[in-house]
Structures are given as C-alpha cells and as structure tokens.
Amino acid sequence: MDEAEAEARAETKAEAEKRREERFLEVTEHFRRNALLIIQKMMKLNHSRDNQTIQLVDEILHSIFFLGKINTPPISPDRIVNEGLYDKLKDSYPQPFELYSSQLPRRSPFSCLLDMIVFLEGRENENEIKQKLQEIIRDLKLHKGAPLVSSTICVSQKNPNSARYYGVSMSTSSKVPRQIMIAASCLPGSWDSHVAGAVMSFNQDKNKKSYFDGTIKLPEHVTCKAYSLHGEGAPMQPCKSCVELFGLVGNKTTGYAHGNCAEVESVSNLFKTDAEVREQARPTSEKFTDDNRSKAEKSVRDYLMNEREIRHFSRDFEFYTPSE
C-alpha cells in the first residue's frame, strides 16, 4: 500500500466515524437535552433549600444515567453533561457514576422531581404542586411524550380531609426502557407489594395471566384522580389498564401498559403509609396465592435477567440507595 492509498483510507475511516458521531447526536438529541435540563433544574431547586434534598439529586442522577445505559443507542453520563458539570457532579455525587450500570433505580426520574416539588410546596398544597410541575415543563420546553417527561400526575386520598399521596406516569424514553422500569418496580423494594401484585397479573402484551390474579379494588371512600401535566392540566379519566388494576371507573377500551400510569405510583404511596386502606383493598381472587405470586415474580426476574445479559449489567437486581 503506497502513502497516497493509506491517506485515502485513513480519510475514509475518519469520515465514517464523523458520520456515526453525527448520527448518534441526532438520534439521542432529545434524551440528552431533557436529561441535562432536568438535572440542572434539580440542582437549582436543591440549592434553593441549602442542600436539604441532595438525596433526590443523587437519586435522579442514577435514574437518568441508568435509562441512558439501556437506551438504544446507549448514552453514557459524559454524553449527557458537559465536561465542567461532569467533573462537578462526579465529585459531589460519585455513587450514580459508579453504580448506574450495576444497580436498578427504584423509580423513573420525574418521580424524583415530583418528590422535590412536594417537599418544596408542602404535601397539602395540591394545586401548587401541579402548577409548579406544569411551570417547569413549560419553562424547560419539555414536550408531551418526550424522553424523561411524565405526562400525568395522580393524587390519592383516604378521604377528603386526609393526606395526599402523589404519583406521576413513567418518564422513560421508549417501550423497552418502560418495560424494564415497570418490571424492576414490581420487585420487592420499590412499589407496595399489593400494587406490584396487581401489575404482575398482566403480561407485557396487556393480557392477563392465566394462573395469577393480584388485582385489587380500591374502597369507595378512597379517591384516585389523575390530571394532565400539559396544557391546562385537565382531569384525566382512568385508562383501561387502571380500571383493571384497581377497579376504578374509567375508560374500558383504551389502556397503556400496566404499571405505566400515575395512578400506580400514587396508590402505592398511599398503601405504604395507610395500612388500613391497604388491607381493605387486599386481593380476593382464588388465584392470589403465595405459589402463584412467586411464579409471577419469577417471570419478571427472568425478563430482567435476559435484559441484564443483553445490556451487560454486572450485578443481580440490587436496588440503588442514594447516598446521604
């Protein structure tokens, strides 16, 4: 090979690499943009309260980096944040950088943002919480259906005078990451076990399992109301999946993936605090047995095991715990 031919080949290789880089940036643009804006907003909100909420910043970093890892194509933390911010974050929050490819998040990123706003506004101030989230979405230009952005918030209460428990819809970037996050949330350590059992009653194709039924019916005195986080914040009717999971009155024809909706996180948070309501909503099906539940949970673990091998995760289903 003469010198001219070698130079031509080197140039061709460089051009191909440049095209690959440009394609990567194009495909991942919306994820990277939203991730950076949400991280910066969380840091600003945390700073406004003298770092009282550093655990939420730590947690959202891990959740975003995890979703970047399982994105197609994968997006590493240094592709999400610029060099100066990368070094600052890694120094202040080393765990998310160390463990995003080996431990599962307990929830998706927007749930961490929700907790931040609930902390800042006060749990009893429902309207202010909804308005603040809508304001953030508008200010950051986080469009409906965009990566990492929840479309719905839900508020559950035991009665009109009781505490409010909030939840948002899964803020993942596409179908497979959503499936992975829902599956992970069904494992012990994330959602309340009754809520997880209800979700595990259905396969990912939305068909009900033949051998297990952990669906529940919320008591009549419990309210579970969802609202859009976009536009005017209109009330949202429960979809078919939420009707099937919780016995709500709503849409019986159109449904999202079981576990995707804001109602799931909201009801889970209610159950975790109110044992009386949780017991009143206990599953009653004859198929709700320990053996059948174990079988359903095994199907979830098998799915996650397969995804772990595909995506080269290094540990076995440990949940991430934010540093204090």
Protein backbone atom coordinates (compact mmCIF):
# COMPACT_ATOMS: atom_id res chain seq x y z
CA MET A 1 0.00 0.00 0.00
CA ASP A 2 1.52 3.33 -1.04
CA GLU A 3 1.36 6.52 1.03
CA ALA A 4 -1.44 8.07 -1.01
CA GLU A 5 -3.66 4.99 -0.64
CA ALA A 6 -3.01 4.88 3.11
CA GLU A 7 -4.00 8.52 3.46
CA ALA A 8 -7.17 7.93 1.43
CA ARG A 9 -8.16 5.01 3.64
CA ALA A 10 -7.48 7.00 6.79
CA GLU A 11 -9.60 9.85 5.48
CA THR A 12 -12.44 7.48 4.60
CA LYS A 13 -12.33 5.99 8.10
CA ALA A 14 -12.38 9.46 9.67
CA GLU A 15 -15.36 10.46 7.54
CA ALA A 16 -17.23 7.31 8.52
CA GLU A 17 -16.52 7.97 12.18
CA LYS A 18 -17.74 11.54 11.80
CA ARG A 19 -20.97 10.34 10.19
CA ARG A 20 -21.51 7.85 13.02
CA GLU A 21 -20.98 10.60 15.59
CA GLU A 22 -23.39 12.92 13.82
CA ARG A 23 -25.98 10.17 13.63
CA PHE A 24 -25.54 9.37 17.34
CA LEU A 25 -26.03 13.03 18.28
CA GLU A 26 -29.12 13.26 16.10
CA VAL A 27 -30.75 10.09 17.47
CA THR A 28 -30.01 10.91 21.12
CA GLU A 29 -30.60 14.68 20.98
CA HIS A 30 -33.94 14.78 22.83
CA PHE A 31 -32.85 12.41 25.61
CA ARG A 32 -29.60 14.27 26.21
CA ARG A 33 -31.27 17.69 26.13
CA ASN A 34 -34.04 16.78 28.54
CA ALA A 35 -31.68 14.91 30.86
CA LEU A 36 -29.35 17.89 31.19
CA LEU A 37 -32.18 20.38 31.73
CA ILE A 38 -33.83 18.23 34.40
CA ILE A 39 -30.52 17.66 36.19
CA GLN A 40 -29.78 21.39 36.19
CA LYS A 41 -33.28 22.17 37.47
CA MET A 42 -32.94 19.65 40.30
CA MET A 43 -29.59 21.11 41.30
CA LYS A 44 -31.08 24.62 41.36
CA LEU A 45 -34.07 23.53 43.43
CA ASN A 46 -31.78 21.70 45.86
CA HIS A 47 -29.55 24.76 46.19
CA SER A 48 -32.62 26.89 46.98
CA ARG A 49 -33.12 24.82 50.13
CA ASP A 50 -29.49 24.72 51.24
CA ASN A 51 -28.86 21.18 50.00
CA GLN A 52 -31.59 19.61 52.17
CA THR A 53 -32.62 17.44 49.20
CA ILE A 54 -29.26 16.15 48.00
CA GLN A 55 -30.53 12.56 48.13
CA LEU A 56 -33.13 13.41 45.48
CA VAL A 57 -30.42 14.88 43.24
CA ASP A 58 -28.29 11.79 43.79
CA GLU A 59 -31.25 9.52 43.00
CA ILE A 60 -32.31 11.34 39.84
CA LEU A 61 -28.76 11.24 38.51
CA HIS A 62 -28.64 7.46 38.94
CA SER A 63 -32.09 7.02 37.38
CA ILE A 64 -31.22 9.16 34.34
CA PHE A 65 -27.83 7.52 33.86
CA PHE A 66 -29.46 4.07 34.12
CA LEU A 67 -32.00 4.98 31.44
CA GLY A 68 -29.17 6.31 29.31
CA LYS A 69 -27.40 2.97 29.71
CA ILE A 70 -30.44 1.00 28.49
CA ASN A 71 -31.27 3.46 25.73
CA THR A 72 -30.79 2.47 22.08
CA PRO A 73 -28.10 3.55 21.40
CA PRO A 74 -26.66 3.68 24.95
CA ILE A 75 -25.83 7.16 26.24
CA SER A 76 -23.06 7.44 28.83
CA PRO A 77 -23.04 10.15 31.55
CA ASP A 78 -20.29 12.10 29.79
CA ARG A 79 -22.62 12.37 26.77
CA ILE A 80 -25.34 13.86 28.93
CA VAL A 81 -23.45 16.52 30.87
CA ASN A 82 -20.66 18.74 29.62
CA GLU A 83 -17.10 18.40 30.87
CA GLY A 84 -17.22 21.07 33.56
CA LEU A 85 -20.51 19.90 35.04
CA TYR A 86 -19.47 16.25 34.70
CA ASP A 87 -16.49 16.75 36.97
CA LYS A 88 -18.53 18.75 39.48
CA LEU A 89 -21.29 16.15 39.64
CA LYS A 90 -18.92 13.21 39.87
CA ASP A 91 -17.11 14.88 42.76
CA SER A 92 -20.33 15.69 44.64
CA TYR A 93 -22.33 12.57 43.70
CA PRO A 94 -19.88 9.74 42.96
CA GLN A 95 -22.31 6.83 43.51
CA PRO A 96 -24.56 7.40 40.46
CA PHE A 97 -21.48 7.33 38.21
CA GLU A 98 -20.21 4.14 39.84
CA LEU A 99 -23.48 2.20 40.03
CA TYR A 100 -25.71 3.27 37.12
CA SER A 101 -24.75 0.17 35.14
CA SER A 102 -24.98 -2.30 38.02
CA GLN A 103 -27.97 -1.33 40.19
CA LEU A 104 -31.64 -0.72 39.40
CA PRO A 105 -33.40 2.56 40.14
CA ARG A 106 -36.47 2.34 42.36
CA ARG A 107 -38.37 4.79 40.14
CA SER A 108 -38.08 6.88 37.00
CA PRO A 109 -36.58 10.40 37.02
CA PHE A 110 -39.73 12.51 37.04
CA SER A 111 -40.81 10.81 40.27
CA CYS A 112 -37.72 12.29 41.93
CA LEU A 113 -38.64 15.71 40.56
CA LEU A 114 -42.17 15.22 41.92
CA ASP A 115 -40.80 14.47 45.40
CA MET A 116 -38.68 17.61 45.20
CA ILE A 117 -41.72 19.75 44.41
CA VAL A 118 -43.84 18.07 47.11
CA PHE A 119 -41.07 18.83 49.61
CA LEU A 120 -40.80 22.47 48.50
CA GLU A 121 -44.52 23.22 48.21
CA GLY A 122 -45.90 21.07 51.04
CA ARG A 123 -47.88 17.85 50.64
CA GLU A 124 -51.20 19.53 51.40
CA ASN A 125 -50.83 22.11 48.59
CA GLU A 126 -52.08 20.02 45.69
CA ASN A 127 -52.78 22.89 43.29
CA GLU A 128 -49.38 24.47 43.88
CA ILE A 129 -47.64 21.13 43.27
CA LYS A 130 -49.45 20.57 39.97
CA GLN A 131 -48.88 24.15 38.86
CA LYS A 132 -45.17 24.05 39.73
CA LEU A 133 -44.63 20.87 37.70
CA GLN A 134 -46.51 22.38 34.76
CA GLU A 135 -44.42 25.53 35.07
CA ILE A 136 -41.19 23.53 34.97
CA ILE A 137 -42.37 21.60 31.92
CA ARG A 138 -43.27 24.86 30.12
CA ASP A 139 -40.10 26.71 31.14
CA LEU A 140 -37.81 23.87 30.07
CA LYS A 141 -39.92 23.22 26.94
CA LEU A 142 -40.33 19.55 27.87
CA HIS A 143 -42.85 18.38 25.31
CA LYS A 144 -45.51 15.74 25.92
CA GLY A 145 -44.23 12.29 25.00
CA ALA A 146 -40.58 13.44 25.08
CA PRO A 147 -37.93 11.33 26.86
CA LEU A 148 -37.85 11.55 30.67
CA VAL A 149 -41.05 13.63 30.87
CA SER A 150 -44.17 12.40 32.67
CA SER A 151 -47.49 13.32 31.08
CA THR A 152 -49.76 12.77 34.09
CA ILE A 153 -49.90 13.31 37.85
CA CYS A 154 -52.26 11.42 40.18
CA VAL A 155 -53.46 12.29 43.68
CA SER A 156 -54.84 9.61 46.02
CA GLN A 157 -56.57 10.21 49.37
CA LYS A 158 -58.22 8.05 52.01
CA ASN A 159 -60.87 10.75 52.40
CA PRO A 160 -61.19 14.47 51.54
CA ASN A 161 -59.55 15.54 54.81
CA SER A 162 -56.64 13.10 54.79
CA ALA A 163 -53.09 13.34 53.48
CA ARG A 164 -52.48 13.41 49.75
CA TYR A 165 -50.25 10.87 48.01
CA TYR A 166 -48.83 11.71 44.61
CA GLY A 167 -47.55 9.79 41.64
CA VAL A 168 -46.54 10.50 38.06
CA SER A 169 -46.52 8.36 34.95
CA MET A 170 -43.36 6.54 33.89
CA SER A 171 -40.88 9.04 32.47
CA THR A 172 -38.91 6.70 30.26
CA SER A 173 -37.77 7.19 26.69
CA SER A 174 -39.33 4.29 24.76
CA LYS A 175 -41.12 0.95 25.04
CA VAL A 176 -38.29 -1.30 26.22
CA PRO A 177 -36.96 1.06 28.95
CA ARG A 178 -40.55 1.42 30.16
CA GLN A 179 -40.93 -2.37 30.33
CA ILE A 180 -37.66 -2.66 32.25
CA MET A 181 -38.65 0.05 34.75
CA ILE A 182 -42.09 -1.48 35.31
CA ALA A 183 -40.56 -4.92 35.82
CA ALA A 184 -37.97 -3.54 38.27
CA SER A 185 -40.67 -1.68 40.19
CA CYS A 186 -42.54 -4.97 40.71
CA LEU A 187 -39.63 -6.43 42.68
CA PRO A 188 -39.59 -6.10 46.48
CA GLY A 189 -38.14 -2.73 47.45
CA SER A 190 -39.99 -0.47 45.06
CA TRP A 191 -43.81 -0.44 44.72
CA ASP A 192 -46.06 -1.62 47.54
CA SER A 193 -46.46 -5.40 47.24
CA HIS A 194 -50.24 -5.27 46.60
CA VAL A 195 -49.72 -2.76 43.79
CA ALA A 196 -46.85 -4.80 42.37
CA GLY A 197 -49.03 -7.91 42.53
CA ALA A 198 -51.79 -6.17 40.58
CA VAL A 199 -49.33 -5.11 37.87
CA MET A 200 -47.78 -8.59 37.70
CA SER A 201 -51.23 -10.03 36.99
CA PHE A 202 -50.74 -8.92 33.39
CA ASN A 203 -48.19 -9.82 30.75
CA GLN A 204 -46.41 -7.15 28.76
CA ASP A 205 -48.84 -7.74 25.90
CA LYS A 206 -51.59 -6.48 28.29
CA ASN A 207 -53.22 -9.91 28.51
CA LYS A 208 -53.99 -11.24 31.97
CA LYS A 209 -52.01 -14.16 33.33
CA SER A 210 -53.98 -17.39 33.48
CA TYR A 211 -52.52 -18.51 36.80
CA PHE A 212 -52.30 -15.35 38.93
CA ASP A 213 -54.68 -12.53 39.83
CA GLY A 214 -53.46 -9.90 42.25
CA THR A 215 -55.78 -7.15 41.03
CA ILE A 216 -57.45 -5.05 43.71
CA LYS A 217 -60.46 -2.81 44.19
CA LEU A 218 -59.96 0.46 46.00
CA PRO A 219 -62.52 1.17 48.75
CA GLU A 220 -65.28 3.56 47.68
CA HIS A 221 -64.14 6.25 50.13
CA VAL A 222 -60.67 6.39 48.51
CA THR A 223 -60.18 8.92 45.73
CA CYS A 224 -57.64 8.44 42.96
CA LYS A 225 -57.65 11.32 40.48
CA ALA A 226 -55.25 11.94 37.60
CA TYR A 227 -54.52 15.21 35.81
CA SER A 228 -52.57 16.13 32.69
CA LEU A 229 -49.25 17.90 33.27
CA HIS A 230 -49.56 19.61 29.90
CA GLY A 231 -51.87 22.27 28.57
CA GLU A 232 -54.45 23.38 31.13
CA GLY A 233 -53.92 20.42 33.46
CA ALA A 234 -57.29 18.85 32.71
CA PRO A 235 -58.57 15.87 34.75
CA MET A 236 -57.76 12.51 33.13
CA GLN A 237 -60.13 9.56 33.12
CA PRO A 238 -58.52 6.30 34.31
CA CYS A 239 -57.46 4.20 31.32
CA LYS A 240 -58.49 0.59 30.75
CA SER A 241 -55.38 -0.71 32.49
CA CYS A 242 -56.07 1.28 35.68
CA VAL A 243 -59.67 0.09 35.63
CA GLU A 244 -58.35 -3.48 35.50
CA LEU A 245 -55.71 -2.95 38.20
CA PHE A 246 -57.68 -1.01 40.80
CA GLY A 247 -61.36 -1.31 39.95
CA LEU A 248 -61.59 2.38 39.05
CA VAL A 249 -64.38 3.77 36.91
CA GLY A 250 -62.98 4.93 33.60
CA ASN A 251 -62.12 4.09 30.02
CA LYS A 252 -62.73 0.41 29.27
CA THR A 253 -61.37 0.35 25.73
CA THR A 254 -58.03 2.17 25.65
CA GLY A 255 -55.19 1.44 28.05
CA TYR A 256 -51.46 1.95 28.48
CA ALA A 257 -49.01 -0.69 29.67
CA HIS A 258 -50.00 -1.94 33.13
CA GLY A 259 -47.77 -0.06 35.56
CA ASN A 260 -47.13 2.94 33.31
CA CYS A 261 -49.77 5.29 34.69
CA ALA A 262 -49.53 7.84 37.50
CA GLU A 263 -52.27 6.02 39.43
CA VAL A 264 -49.90 3.13 40.15
CA GLU A 265 -47.25 5.18 41.95
CA SER A 266 -49.89 7.26 43.74
CA VAL A 267 -51.79 4.24 45.08
CA SER A 268 -48.51 2.57 46.06
CA ASN A 269 -47.51 5.61 48.11
CA LEU A 270 -50.94 5.61 49.80
CA PHE A 271 -50.68 1.92 50.69
CA LYS A 272 -47.16 2.29 52.08
CA THR A 273 -48.46 4.74 54.66
CA ASP A 274 -52.04 3.66 55.33
CA ALA A 275 -52.20 0.01 56.41
CA GLU A 276 -55.97 0.16 56.90
CA VAL A 277 -56.72 1.15 53.31
CA ARG A 278 -54.17 -1.35 52.07
CA GLU A 279 -55.85 -4.18 53.95
CA GLN A 280 -59.30 -3.13 52.73
CA ALA A 281 -58.02 -3.36 49.14
CA ARG A 282 -56.42 -6.76 49.60
CA PRO A 283 -56.75 -9.04 46.51
CA THR A 284 -59.60 -11.55 46.80
CA SER A 285 -59.09 -13.86 43.82
CA GLU A 286 -58.58 -17.58 44.43
CA LYS A 287 -55.56 -17.29 42.15
CA PHE A 288 -53.89 -14.92 44.63
CA THR A 289 -51.69 -17.47 46.39
CA ASP A 290 -48.08 -17.36 47.52
CA ASP A 291 -47.08 -20.00 44.98
CA ASN A 292 -48.78 -18.20 42.10
CA ARG A 293 -47.28 -14.89 43.12
CA SER A 294 -43.82 -16.47 43.26
CA LYS A 295 -44.36 -17.79 39.76
CA ALA A 296 -45.41 -14.34 38.53
CA GLU A 297 -42.43 -12.71 40.21
CA LYS A 298 -40.12 -15.30 38.66
CA SER A 299 -41.39 -14.34 35.20
CA VAL A 300 -40.46 -10.72 35.99
CA ARG A 301 -37.00 -11.72 37.20
CA ASP A 302 -36.45 -13.92 34.14
CA TYR A 303 -37.28 -10.98 31.91
CA LEU A 304 -34.89 -8.71 33.78
CA MET A 305 -32.19 -11.39 33.76
CA ASN A 306 -32.44 -11.61 30.00
CA GLU A 307 -32.23 -7.82 29.66
CA ARG A 308 -29.30 -7.75 32.08
CA GLU A 309 -27.36 -10.18 29.91
CA ILE A 310 -28.19 -8.29 26.72
CA ARG A 311 -27.11 -4.97 28.21
CA HIS A 312 -24.12 -6.31 30.17
CA PHE A 313 -25.15 -5.32 33.68
CA SER A 314 -22.76 -6.60 36.29
CA ARG A 315 -24.93 -7.41 39.31
CA ASP A 316 -28.18 -9.19 40.09
CA PHE A 317 -31.15 -6.92 40.80
CA GLU A 318 -29.85 -4.75 43.61
CA PHE A 319 -31.77 -1.52 44.06
CA TYR A 320 -29.85 1.73 44.22
CA THR A 321 -29.79 3.58 47.55
CA PRO A 322 -28.91 7.30 47.31
CA SER A 323 -26.02 8.48 49.43
CA GLU A 324 -26.79 10.72 52.40
